[in-house]
Protein backbone atom coordinates (compact mmCIF):
# COMPACT_ATOMS: atom_id res chain seq x y z
CA MET A 1 20.04 -9.12 -5.25
CA ARG A 2 17.37 -11.23 -6.94
CA LYS A 3 14.51 -9.49 -5.11
CA ARG A 4 15.85 -6.03 -5.97
CA THR A 5 16.27 -7.00 -9.61
CA LYS A 6 12.68 -8.23 -9.68
CA ILE A 7 11.39 -4.92 -8.34
CA LEU A 8 13.59 -3.01 -10.74
CA SER A 9 12.44 -5.02 -13.75
CA VAL A 10 8.85 -3.99 -13.14
CA LEU A 11 9.92 -0.38 -12.68
CA LEU A 12 11.93 -0.34 -15.87
CA VAL A 13 9.15 -1.86 -17.95
CA LEU A 14 6.72 0.74 -16.63
CA SER A 15 9.23 3.48 -17.34
CA LEU A 16 9.76 2.40 -20.92
CA LEU A 17 6.02 2.10 -21.52
CA ALA A 18 5.56 5.59 -20.16
CA GLY A 19 7.76 6.99 -22.92
CA SER A 20 10.44 9.64 -22.75
CA TRP A 21 9.87 13.13 -21.41
CA GLY A 22 11.87 16.20 -22.25
CA CYS A 23 12.81 18.90 -19.74
CA GLY A 24 9.42 20.63 -20.24
CA ASN A 25 8.92 22.39 -16.91
CA ALA A 26 12.57 22.17 -15.94
CA GLN A 27 14.03 24.96 -13.87
CA LYS A 28 17.46 25.68 -15.21
CA GLY A 29 20.55 26.60 -13.27
CA ALA A 30 22.25 29.94 -13.59
CA GLY A 31 25.35 30.57 -15.62
CA ASN A 32 24.04 30.25 -19.15
CA ASN A 33 26.80 32.45 -20.53
CA GLU A 34 29.83 30.41 -21.38
CA SER A 35 33.07 31.37 -19.66
CA SER A 36 36.62 30.18 -19.95
CA ALA A 37 38.89 29.56 -16.97
CA LYS A 38 41.21 26.94 -15.57
CA ALA A 39 39.83 23.42 -15.11
CA PRO A 40 38.25 22.29 -11.79
CA GLU A 41 40.69 21.43 -9.01
CA ALA A 42 39.87 17.76 -9.53
CA ALA A 43 39.48 17.62 -13.32
CA SER A 44 38.28 14.62 -15.26
CA GLU A 45 40.92 12.23 -16.58
CA THR A 46 40.33 13.42 -20.14
CA ALA A 47 40.75 17.06 -19.26
CA ALA A 48 43.77 16.29 -17.11
CA GLU A 49 45.44 14.35 -19.88
CA GLU A 50 44.81 17.10 -22.42
CA GLY A 51 45.90 19.80 -19.99
CA THR A 52 43.16 22.10 -21.26
CA ALA A 53 40.62 24.36 -19.61
CA GLN A 54 37.89 22.19 -21.06
CA GLU A 55 34.38 23.60 -20.74
CA LEU A 56 31.68 21.11 -19.85
CA ASN A 57 28.04 20.85 -18.82
CA LEU A 58 26.70 19.05 -15.78
CA THR A 59 23.02 18.21 -15.60
CA VAL A 60 21.39 17.73 -12.19
CA TRP A 61 17.90 16.39 -11.44
CA GLY A 62 16.36 17.04 -8.03
CA GLY A 63 13.08 17.43 -6.19
CA LEU A 64 13.65 20.82 -4.56
CA PRO A 65 12.46 24.04 -6.20
CA TYR A 66 15.39 25.90 -7.75
CA GLU A 67 14.72 28.95 -5.59
CA ASP A 68 14.83 26.94 -2.34
CA GLY A 69 18.59 27.15 -1.93
CA VAL A 70 19.42 25.04 -4.99
CA GLY A 71 20.22 28.01 -7.20
CA GLU A 72 22.50 29.53 -4.57
CA ILE A 73 24.47 26.29 -4.29
CA LEU A 74 24.83 25.75 -8.03
CA GLU A 75 25.82 29.36 -8.65
CA GLY A 76 28.48 29.07 -5.94
CA PHE A 77 29.77 25.85 -7.49
CA MET A 78 30.03 27.45 -10.93
CA GLU A 79 31.86 30.41 -9.43
CA LYS A 80 34.38 28.01 -7.91
CA TYR A 81 34.67 26.04 -11.17
CA PRO A 82 34.15 28.66 -13.92
CA ASN A 83 34.52 26.18 -16.79
CA VAL A 84 31.58 24.06 -15.56
CA LYS A 85 28.01 25.01 -16.43
CA VAL A 86 25.32 23.30 -14.34
CA GLU A 87 21.72 22.90 -15.50
CA TYR A 88 19.01 21.86 -13.06
CA THR A 89 15.81 19.96 -13.79
CA ARG A 90 13.19 19.60 -11.09
CA PHE A 91 11.09 16.43 -10.83
CA THR A 92 8.33 15.63 -8.37
CA ASN A 93 9.15 13.06 -5.73
CA ASP A 94 6.16 10.85 -6.46
CA GLU A 95 5.48 7.83 -8.66
CA ALA A 96 5.13 9.90 -11.83
CA GLY A 97 8.23 11.97 -11.12
CA ASN A 98 10.40 8.98 -10.28
CA THR A 99 9.23 7.17 -13.42
CA LYS A 100 10.16 10.24 -15.41
CA LEU A 101 13.66 10.23 -13.90
CA ASP A 102 14.15 6.49 -14.47
CA THR A 103 13.01 6.81 -18.08
CA ALA A 104 15.45 9.65 -18.71
CA LEU A 105 18.28 7.61 -17.19
CA LEU A 106 17.37 4.53 -19.27
CA THR A 107 17.02 6.36 -22.56
CA GLY A 108 20.44 7.98 -22.25
CA GLU A 109 19.40 11.57 -21.62
CA GLN A 110 22.32 13.46 -20.11
CA ILE A 111 21.98 13.28 -16.34
CA ASP A 112 25.20 13.49 -14.38
CA VAL A 113 23.86 13.86 -10.85
CA TYR A 114 20.41 13.07 -9.52
CA PHE A 115 18.61 12.98 -6.19
CA THR A 116 16.79 9.98 -4.76
CA TYR A 117 14.47 10.21 -1.75
CA SER A 118 14.00 6.63 -0.56
CA THR A 119 16.40 3.78 0.12
CA ASP A 120 14.37 1.33 -1.98
CA ASN A 121 14.75 3.64 -5.00
CA VAL A 122 18.47 3.95 -4.29
CA ALA A 123 18.82 0.16 -4.31
CA ASN A 124 16.69 -0.24 -7.44
CA ARG A 125 18.77 2.31 -9.35
CA VAL A 126 21.96 0.62 -8.25
CA ALA A 127 20.60 -2.76 -9.40
CA GLY A 128 19.69 -1.21 -12.75
CA GLY A 129 23.24 0.00 -13.34
CA MET A 130 22.25 3.65 -12.96
CA ALA A 131 24.70 4.59 -10.18
CA ALA A 132 28.46 4.93 -9.85
CA ASP A 133 30.26 3.38 -6.88
CA LEU A 134 31.47 6.31 -4.77
CA ALA A 135 34.51 4.30 -3.72
CA ASP A 136 35.96 5.18 -7.13
CA PHE A 137 36.29 8.77 -5.88
CA GLY A 138 37.36 8.07 -2.30
CA GLY A 139 33.76 8.16 -1.12
CA ASP A 140 34.24 5.68 1.75
CA LYS A 141 36.88 7.80 3.42
CA TYR A 142 34.98 11.01 2.69
CA ILE A 143 31.79 9.70 4.33
CA GLU A 144 33.69 8.45 7.37
CA GLU A 145 35.47 11.77 7.87
CA ASN A 146 32.66 14.19 7.03
CA ILE A 147 29.40 12.40 7.83
CA GLY A 148 30.14 9.29 9.84
CA THR A 149 28.99 5.81 8.92
CA ASP A 150 26.08 5.41 11.36
CA GLY A 151 22.76 5.66 9.54
CA VAL A 152 24.30 5.99 6.07
CA PHE A 153 22.70 3.65 3.53
CA LYS A 154 24.73 1.03 1.67
CA VAL A 155 23.91 -1.43 -1.09
CA ASP A 156 25.85 -4.69 -0.94
CA ASP A 157 28.21 -2.99 1.53
CA LYS A 158 29.05 -0.19 -0.91
CA TYR A 159 28.19 3.50 -0.98
CA TYR A 160 26.39 4.53 -4.15
CA SER A 161 24.66 7.57 -2.68
CA LEU A 162 25.60 10.51 -0.50
CA PRO A 163 22.95 11.67 2.00
CA THR A 164 22.76 15.45 2.12
CA ALA A 165 20.18 16.15 4.84
CA LYS A 166 19.07 14.83 8.19
CA GLU A 167 15.32 14.45 8.58
CA PRO A 168 14.64 14.12 12.32
CA THR A 169 11.13 13.60 13.60
CA CYS A 170 9.85 15.21 16.80
CA MET A 171 6.68 16.89 18.13
CA MET A 172 5.37 20.41 17.54
CA LEU A 173 3.24 21.99 20.23
CA ASN A 174 1.16 25.14 20.52
CA LYS A 175 3.15 26.92 23.23
CA ASP A 176 0.41 29.45 23.92
CA LEU A 177 -1.94 26.60 24.86
CA LEU A 178 0.76 25.00 27.01
CA ASP A 179 1.34 28.29 28.82
CA LYS A 180 -2.39 28.79 29.37
CA ALA A 181 -2.61 25.31 30.93
CA GLY A 182 0.51 25.88 33.03
CA ILE A 183 2.43 23.09 31.28
CA PRO A 184 6.19 23.53 30.65
CA ILE A 185 7.64 22.43 27.30
CA PRO A 186 8.55 18.74 27.75
CA GLN A 187 12.20 17.93 27.21
CA GLU A 188 11.42 14.24 27.69
CA TRP A 189 8.12 12.53 28.39
CA THR A 190 6.53 9.13 28.50
CA ILE A 191 3.55 8.05 26.43
CA GLU A 192 1.31 8.27 29.49
CA GLU A 193 2.48 11.82 30.22
CA PHE A 194 1.87 12.73 26.59
CA ARG A 195 -1.67 11.33 26.73
CA GLU A 196 -2.39 13.29 29.91
CA ILE A 197 -1.21 16.57 28.33
CA ALA A 198 -3.35 15.85 25.27
CA ARG A 199 -6.36 15.54 27.56
CA LYS A 200 -5.59 18.90 29.19
CA LEU A 201 -5.18 20.69 25.84
CA HIS A 202 -8.22 19.08 24.23
CA ASP A 203 -10.93 21.72 23.78
CA PRO A 204 -13.28 20.65 20.96
CA GLU A 205 -15.90 23.26 21.92
CA ASN A 206 -13.41 25.88 20.73
CA GLY A 207 -12.36 23.81 17.73
CA VAL A 208 -9.06 22.58 19.25
CA TYR A 209 -8.25 18.87 19.43
CA GLY A 210 -5.48 17.64 21.71
CA VAL A 211 -3.41 15.83 19.07
CA TYR A 212 -3.20 14.69 15.48
CA PRO A 213 -3.30 10.86 15.75
CA GLY A 214 -1.06 9.61 12.94
CA PHE A 215 2.15 9.96 10.99
CA TYR A 216 1.60 10.26 7.22
CA ASP A 217 -0.42 7.18 6.18
CA SER A 218 0.15 5.21 9.36
CA VAL A 219 0.28 5.24 13.16
CA PHE A 220 2.77 6.77 15.60
CA PRO A 221 5.94 4.67 14.97
CA ILE A 222 6.69 3.79 18.60
CA ALA A 223 7.77 0.20 17.84
CA THR A 224 10.28 1.43 15.29
CA MET A 225 11.80 3.74 17.90
CA VAL A 226 12.41 0.68 20.09
CA LEU A 227 13.50 -1.82 17.45
CA GLY A 228 15.47 0.47 15.15
CA SER A 229 16.37 -0.30 11.55
CA ASN A 230 14.64 -3.13 9.65
CA ALA A 231 11.88 -3.31 12.27
CA TRP A 232 9.39 -4.64 9.71
CA TYR A 233 11.38 -7.86 9.17
CA ASN A 234 12.11 -10.87 11.33
CA ALA A 235 15.66 -11.68 12.43
CA ASP A 236 16.76 -13.42 9.23
CA GLY A 237 14.77 -11.13 6.93
CA THR A 238 12.64 -13.91 5.47
CA GLY A 239 9.32 -12.75 6.92
CA ALA A 240 7.44 -9.95 8.63
CA ASN A 241 7.90 -8.92 12.26
CA PHE A 242 4.56 -7.36 13.21
CA SER A 243 3.85 -10.17 15.66
CA ALA A 244 6.77 -8.97 17.80
CA PRO A 245 5.60 -7.67 21.21
CA GLU A 246 7.08 -4.22 20.52
CA PHE A 247 4.43 -3.53 17.88
CA LYS A 248 1.77 -3.54 20.58
CA LEU A 249 3.19 -0.11 21.51
CA ASP A 250 1.79 1.24 18.23
CA LYS A 251 -1.66 1.13 19.84
CA LEU A 252 -1.05 4.74 20.90
CA SER A 253 -2.78 6.18 17.82
CA TYR A 254 -5.81 3.93 18.35
CA ASP A 255 -6.01 4.90 22.03
CA LEU A 256 -5.86 8.62 21.26
CA ILE A 257 -8.88 8.28 18.97
CA PHE A 258 -11.09 5.68 20.65
CA THR A 259 -10.03 5.49 24.31
CA ASP A 260 -8.96 9.04 25.20
CA LYS A 261 -11.03 10.70 22.46
CA THR A 262 -8.53 13.58 22.30
CA ALA A 263 -7.49 13.16 18.66
CA TYR A 264 -8.50 15.06 15.56
CA PRO A 265 -11.14 12.93 13.79
CA TYR A 266 -9.33 10.70 11.35
CA GLU A 267 -12.26 10.60 8.94
CA GLU A 268 -12.01 14.40 8.65
CA ALA A 269 -8.28 14.16 7.94
CA VAL A 270 -9.08 11.73 5.12
CA SER A 271 -11.93 13.79 3.70
CA LYS A 272 -9.87 17.00 3.84
CA GLN A 273 -6.86 15.22 2.26
CA ALA A 274 -4.76 16.22 5.28
CA LEU A 275 -2.97 12.90 5.84
CA GLY A 276 0.28 14.36 4.55
CA PHE A 277 -0.44 17.97 5.47
CA TRP A 278 -1.48 18.01 9.12
CA ASP A 279 0.89 20.95 9.59
CA ARG A 280 -1.89 23.05 8.06
CA LEU A 281 -4.33 21.82 10.69
CA PHE A 282 -1.78 22.69 13.37
CA VAL A 283 -1.05 26.20 12.13
CA SER A 284 -4.81 26.79 11.75
CA GLU A 285 -5.13 25.99 15.50
CA ASN A 286 -7.26 22.87 14.95
CA ILE A 287 -4.78 20.68 16.86
CA ALA A 288 -2.53 21.41 19.84
CA MET A 289 0.17 18.80 19.19
CA ALA A 290 1.38 16.76 16.22
CA MET A 291 4.44 15.02 14.83
CA PHE A 292 6.89 17.35 13.09
CA GLN A 293 9.62 17.24 10.47
CA PRO A 294 11.74 20.29 9.50
CA TRP A 295 10.21 20.67 6.03
CA MET A 296 7.06 21.89 7.81
CA CYS A 297 8.77 25.12 8.87
CA GLY A 298 7.74 26.68 5.56
CA THR A 299 4.06 26.24 6.42
CA LEU A 300 4.49 27.31 10.04
CA ARG A 301 6.08 30.63 9.14
CA ASP A 302 3.82 31.41 6.16
CA GLN A 303 1.85 34.32 7.62
CA GLU A 304 0.19 35.16 4.31
CA GLU A 305 -1.56 31.84 3.74
CA PHE A 306 -1.69 30.70 7.38
CA PRO A 307 -1.83 33.81 9.59
CA HIS A 308 -1.49 33.04 13.29
CA GLU A 309 -0.11 34.56 16.46
CA PHE A 310 0.82 31.59 18.64
CA VAL A 311 4.38 30.34 19.21
CA THR A 312 5.35 26.82 18.12
CA ALA A 313 7.45 24.83 20.59
CA PHE A 314 9.08 21.45 20.04
CA ALA A 315 9.57 18.29 22.07
CA PRO A 316 10.97 14.80 21.50
CA ILE A 317 8.55 12.01 20.58
CA PRO A 318 7.09 10.47 23.75
CA VAL A 319 8.65 7.13 24.72
CA PRO A 320 7.36 4.00 26.47
CA GLU A 321 9.56 4.47 29.54
CA GLU A 322 12.22 6.81 30.87
CA GLY A 323 15.90 5.95 31.04
CA ARG A 324 16.14 3.94 27.81
CA GLU A 325 17.84 4.85 24.55
CA TYR A 326 15.57 5.03 21.50
CA TYR A 327 15.96 5.52 17.77
CA ASN A 328 14.54 8.54 16.04
CA PRO A 329 12.15 7.44 13.27
CA GLY A 330 13.71 10.01 10.96
CA GLU A 331 16.66 9.28 8.70
CA MET A 332 19.47 10.68 6.63
CA ASN A 333 17.99 11.30 3.22
CA ASN A 334 18.05 13.50 0.10
CA PHE A 335 20.56 11.14 -1.52
CA MET A 336 22.79 12.47 -4.29
CA MET A 337 23.88 9.88 -6.85
CA ILE A 338 26.21 9.96 -9.85
CA ASN A 339 24.93 8.43 -13.07
CA SER A 340 27.16 5.51 -14.04
CA LYS A 341 26.94 6.71 -17.66
CA SER A 342 28.04 10.26 -16.91
CA GLU A 343 31.04 11.46 -18.90
CA HIS A 344 31.96 13.86 -16.11
CA LYS A 345 32.00 11.68 -13.00
CA GLN A 346 34.89 13.47 -11.30
CA GLU A 347 33.25 16.87 -11.67
CA ALA A 348 30.00 15.32 -10.49
CA TRP A 349 31.76 14.07 -7.36
CA GLU A 350 33.10 17.57 -6.74
CA LEU A 351 29.51 18.82 -6.84
CA LEU A 352 28.41 16.20 -4.30
CA LYS A 353 31.13 17.30 -1.90
CA TYR A 354 30.37 20.97 -2.48
CA TRP A 355 26.70 20.37 -1.68
CA VAL A 356 27.54 18.71 1.64
CA GLU A 357 30.20 21.23 2.68
CA ASP A 358 29.54 24.61 1.08
CA GLY A 359 25.80 24.21 0.52
CA VAL A 360 24.84 24.01 4.18
CA GLU A 361 23.88 27.65 4.77
CA ALA A 362 21.79 27.91 1.60
CA LEU A 363 19.53 25.01 2.61
CA LEU A 364 19.00 25.76 6.30
CA PRO A 365 15.98 28.05 5.75
CA TYR A 366 14.27 25.20 3.88
CA GLY A 367 14.52 22.70 6.72
CA LYS A 368 17.55 20.81 5.41
CA ILE A 369 19.59 19.93 8.49
CA PRO A 370 23.21 19.29 7.46
CA VAL A 371 24.76 15.83 7.58
CA ASN A 372 28.23 17.39 7.71
CA LYS A 373 29.46 16.55 11.21
CA ASN A 374 32.17 19.19 10.87
CA TYR A 375 29.58 21.96 10.65
CA ASN A 376 28.95 23.37 14.10
CA ASP A 377 26.95 26.58 14.42
CA PRO A 378 25.26 27.38 17.75
CA GLY A 379 22.89 29.62 15.81
CA MET A 380 21.73 26.86 13.47
CA ALA A 381 18.25 26.63 15.01
CA ALA A 382 17.59 30.32 14.40
CA LYS A 383 18.82 30.04 10.80
CA ILE A 384 16.46 27.14 10.14
CA LEU A 385 13.46 28.76 11.80
CA GLN A 386 14.10 32.22 10.28
CA ASP A 387 12.57 33.94 13.29
CA GLU A 388 15.20 36.11 14.96
CA GLU A 389 12.73 37.77 17.35
CA GLY A 390 11.22 34.47 18.49
CA LYS A 391 7.75 35.66 17.52
CA PHE A 392 6.58 32.34 16.07
CA PHE A 393 9.08 29.67 17.17
CA ASP A 394 10.77 28.59 20.38
CA ALA A 395 14.30 28.06 19.03
CA SER A 396 15.77 26.56 22.22
CA SER A 397 13.22 23.73 22.27
CA PHE A 398 13.83 23.11 18.56
CA ALA A 399 17.55 22.68 19.21
CA VAL A 400 16.83 20.12 21.95
CA ALA A 401 14.23 18.13 20.02
CA ALA A 402 15.59 18.23 16.46
CA LEU A 403 19.30 19.05 16.50
CA ASP A 404 20.74 16.58 19.01
CA PRO A 405 24.06 15.50 17.41
CA GLU A 406 23.83 12.14 19.20
CA MET A 407 20.47 11.29 17.64
CA LYS A 408 20.32 7.72 16.29
CA TYR A 409 18.59 7.55 12.92
CA ILE A 410 16.82 4.67 11.22
CA CYS A 411 18.63 3.13 8.24
CA ASN A 412 16.64 0.28 6.71
CA THR A 413 19.00 -1.95 4.76
CA ASN A 414 16.40 -4.65 4.07
CA ILE A 415 14.07 -3.33 1.37
CA THR A 416 12.42 -6.63 0.38
CA ALA A 417 8.86 -5.86 -0.78
CA ALA A 418 9.24 -2.39 0.79
CA VAL A 419 6.83 -0.77 -1.67
CA GLU A 420 4.23 -3.46 -1.04
CA ILE A 421 4.65 -3.23 2.75
CA LYS A 422 4.18 0.55 2.69
CA GLN A 423 0.92 0.13 0.80
CA ILE A 424 -0.28 -2.63 3.15
CA ARG A 425 0.51 -0.49 6.20
CA LYS A 426 -1.40 2.41 4.66
CA GLU A 427 -4.47 0.26 4.00
CA GLU A 428 -4.49 -1.50 7.37
CA SER A 429 -3.76 1.70 9.31
CA GLN A 430 -6.62 3.50 7.65
CA LYS A 431 -9.04 0.70 8.57
CA LEU A 432 -7.73 0.82 12.14
CA LEU A 433 -7.96 4.58 12.58
CA LEU A 434 -11.41 4.71 10.99
CA GLY A 435 -12.62 2.12 13.49
CA GLU A 436 -13.21 -0.56 10.88
CA GLN A 437 -11.06 -3.13 12.69
CA SER A 438 -9.62 -3.70 16.17
CA PHE A 439 -5.97 -3.19 17.01
CA GLU A 440 -5.51 -6.96 17.33
CA GLU A 441 -6.97 -7.47 13.83
CA TYR A 442 -4.70 -4.70 12.56
CA LEU A 443 -1.56 -6.49 13.76
CA GLU A 444 -2.76 -9.88 12.52
CA ASN A 445 -3.53 -8.50 9.06
CA LEU A 446 -0.21 -6.66 8.89
CA GLN A 447 1.69 -9.82 9.81
CA SER A 448 -0.07 -12.14 7.37
CA ARG A 449 -0.18 -9.76 4.41
CA CYS A 450 3.41 -8.48 4.77
CA ASP A 451 4.70 -12.00 5.40
CA ALA A 452 3.13 -13.11 2.12
CA ALA A 453 4.56 -10.08 0.27
CA ILE A 454 8.08 -10.76 1.54
CA LYS A 455 7.91 -14.44 0.63
CA GLU A 456 6.60 -13.61 -2.84
CA ALA A 457 9.44 -11.12 -3.39
CA ASN A 458 11.99 -13.73 -2.33
CA LYS A 459 10.82 -16.36 -4.85
């Protein structure tokens, strides 16, 4: 706990220095007209004791736009519980937005429920006393029965957050180019097979590169798929693990650029600020294959800003060898948390459950794959892709690559120096992919720098 408290202390100081923001650009929930009706089915203790239809306000902070399914969920919740009015404030999921949220929590602004989008921020907010233990509301049993415990994040063996969306990672492929080359959509493939297909699709004379070579600020996470959760750390968590032989598999990105020469030029991705938006390069037909996450569906079906005629197909991430079981580098995320200072914790818990159970359909078009294991709709792929005629997406390949119910997700429980390690990986990966250092130097620098960061955090 000492290392988390240390990280949190810095965060809290920065938050307080930043000052307190109001709701400025907040997008409010519907239901501004007060209404009177019976209390929620699971009323707060105060309301239950008084036996009244007590009206109350819940305030929710989240990163999604209100119109992207959030409003539909909150309006449905208020219809079910007419005496509860819910107001929604949107914050950006970046350093400034998270500081704004932390400041509001610290200064006592009413926030009953809030979203968190990384496990290190979950742990920091728990350490700062900002989160209620979900066990107080039967959360342990609820998660076991409705989500399952695999891949669900805990802090000190307790649930303080409820994941609300699966974020699988797979590959997106230009199916028209595959068809032209006579290549079927891969349902499983090795790294070598993937590299060979990239060579066949590579056509720089016509402005098409075989593949986008990275994943956000770093390389293809092949080692993580082999090692699973906490791959960055050694066995006892006291140091870094980048000297492990599995991390040699991460050379794939380097090979695509410098050996095969089939990758989109990384220096152009940097100059065009495309490191987090390579979906735009894909839909503009600059690349034939790239890593994919469901949030990208919005870009891929936006015919106004990104008009195109080709069909997008999907495939699993290529693996080192056939016949082995691998982790998916995605995770369960979009964590809902209850403020420990909320005066309406029971109603807040009802909203968490409603989001997971009744909110599924509203969020599908926005790439939010449900965590609710009791939701089973054979037409889910079509609802996510929003392409009934199959004009722009191959729904069957999406179901295979992204909706496998047996998919094993990463759940990093060791977050020691996680922020520092992410920054180090970004810096060292960029030097690698720009050709400023060899792959061997990349691994050596990762190991030494991350080892030092972990040891410093553990002091």
